[in-house]
Amino acid sequence: MSKTTRWILGIVLILLGLATAAFFAFGGAFATVGCQQTPPDWAYGVVLAAGMTFLVAASVPAVMLMRGAAGKRVVVTLVIGSVFSCVVYVAAFALGMAPYC
């Protein structure tokens, strides 16, 4: 794979990570519309921190790809990061929002 292709794919991965992080961070905040009680401010901070894990999980494989790492390592890192991010998001939403909604 050429260097230009690696950079383009890396930038696309970072942009997808930004979109996913924004979707989950703002989606978690908008999910509180139907809550019976208003969640405390720290709960929104937890949801934003969980959204940032999605950004990191997309950025690390992108940087690896741009630096020329093997394809298998990039895919494994992307899968592990996605699973970790989903677990963190579910745990953060369950701990931060569930008691109040």
Protein backbone atom coordinates (compact mmCIF):
# COMPACT_ATOMS: atom_id res chain seq x y z
CA MET A 1 0.00 0.00 0.00
CA SER A 2 1.38 3.39 -0.94
CA LYS A 3 2.14 6.10 1.59
CA THR A 4 -0.56 8.36 0.15
CA THR A 5 -3.18 5.63 0.53
CA ARG A 6 -2.11 5.03 4.12
CA TRP A 7 -2.46 8.72 4.93
CA ILE A 8 -5.87 8.98 3.28
CA LEU A 9 -7.14 5.92 5.15
CA GLY A 10 -5.67 7.27 8.38
CA ILE A 11 -7.42 10.60 7.97
CA VAL A 12 -10.69 8.83 7.16
CA LEU A 13 -10.31 6.74 10.34
CA ILE A 14 -9.74 9.87 12.41
CA LEU A 15 -12.78 11.57 10.89
CA LEU A 16 -14.90 8.49 11.56
CA GLY A 17 -13.62 8.50 15.13
CA LEU A 18 -14.62 12.15 15.51
CA ALA A 19 -18.08 11.44 14.14
CA THR A 20 -18.54 8.40 16.38
CA ALA A 21 -17.31 10.23 19.47
CA ALA A 22 -19.64 13.15 18.78
CA PHE A 23 -22.57 10.82 18.14
CA PHE A 24 -22.12 8.92 21.38
CA ALA A 25 -21.29 11.95 23.52
CA PHE A 26 -24.20 14.04 22.27
CA GLY A 27 -26.47 10.99 21.99
CA GLY A 28 -25.88 10.21 25.65
CA ALA A 29 -26.66 13.79 26.58
CA PHE A 30 -29.84 13.87 24.48
CA ALA A 31 -30.96 10.54 25.93
CA THR A 32 -31.69 12.34 29.20
CA VAL A 33 -34.66 14.20 27.73
CA GLY A 34 -37.11 11.61 29.06
CA CYS A 35 -35.51 11.39 32.51
CA GLN A 36 -37.68 11.76 35.59
CA GLN A 37 -34.88 13.55 37.44
CA THR A 38 -32.11 15.75 36.12
CA PRO A 39 -28.80 13.90 36.22
CA PRO A 40 -25.95 15.67 38.02
CA ASP A 41 -23.23 17.45 36.08
CA TRP A 42 -20.66 14.72 36.74
CA ALA A 43 -22.85 12.24 34.84
CA TYR A 44 -22.52 14.34 31.68
CA GLY A 45 -18.77 14.47 32.23
CA VAL A 46 -18.66 10.69 32.40
CA VAL A 47 -20.57 10.42 29.12
CA LEU A 48 -18.21 12.93 27.48
CA ALA A 49 -15.19 10.99 28.76
CA ALA A 50 -16.66 7.81 27.32
CA GLY A 51 -17.09 9.59 23.99
CA MET A 52 -13.44 10.59 24.08
CA THR A 53 -12.45 6.93 24.38
CA PHE A 54 -14.05 6.43 20.96
CA LEU A 55 -11.87 9.22 19.59
CA VAL A 56 -8.72 7.66 21.04
CA ALA A 57 -9.78 4.20 19.84
CA ALA A 58 -10.03 5.53 16.30
CA SER A 59 -6.91 7.70 16.43
CA VAL A 60 -4.44 5.06 17.60
CA PRO A 61 -5.04 2.66 14.67
CA ALA A 62 -5.03 5.62 12.28
CA VAL A 63 -1.61 6.74 13.50
CA MET A 64 -0.37 3.14 13.32
CA LEU A 65 -1.61 2.94 9.73
CA MET A 66 0.05 6.23 8.79
CA ARG A 67 3.35 5.08 10.28
CA GLY A 68 3.30 1.89 8.25
CA ALA A 69 2.31 -0.78 10.77
CA ALA A 70 1.20 -4.17 9.51
CA GLY A 71 -2.43 -4.42 8.47
CA LYS A 72 -3.22 -7.19 10.95
CA ARG A 73 -1.97 -5.09 13.87
CA VAL A 74 -4.04 -2.11 12.77
CA VAL A 75 -7.19 -4.24 12.50
CA VAL A 76 -6.57 -5.92 15.87
CA THR A 77 -6.00 -2.53 17.50
CA LEU A 78 -9.16 -1.15 15.90
CA VAL A 79 -11.24 -4.11 17.13
CA ILE A 80 -9.80 -4.00 20.66
CA GLY A 81 -10.31 -0.23 20.82
CA SER A 82 -13.90 -0.52 19.60
CA VAL A 83 -14.74 -3.22 22.13
CA PHE A 84 -13.08 -1.28 24.94
CA SER A 85 -14.89 1.92 23.95
CA CYS A 86 -18.26 0.19 23.85
CA VAL A 87 -17.68 -1.35 27.28
CA VAL A 88 -16.62 2.01 28.73
CA TYR A 89 -19.62 3.76 27.18
CA VAL A 90 -22.13 1.20 28.44
CA ALA A 91 -20.56 1.23 31.91
CA ALA A 92 -20.48 5.03 32.00
CA PHE A 93 -24.06 5.30 30.86
CA ALA A 94 -25.20 2.65 33.32
CA LEU A 95 -23.34 4.23 36.25
CA GLY A 96 -23.87 7.87 35.37
CA MET A 97 -27.33 8.03 33.83
CA ALA A 98 -29.27 4.92 34.78
CA PRO A 99 -29.92 5.89 38.42
CA TYR A 100 -31.49 9.16 37.34
CA CYS A 101 -33.49 8.08 34.28
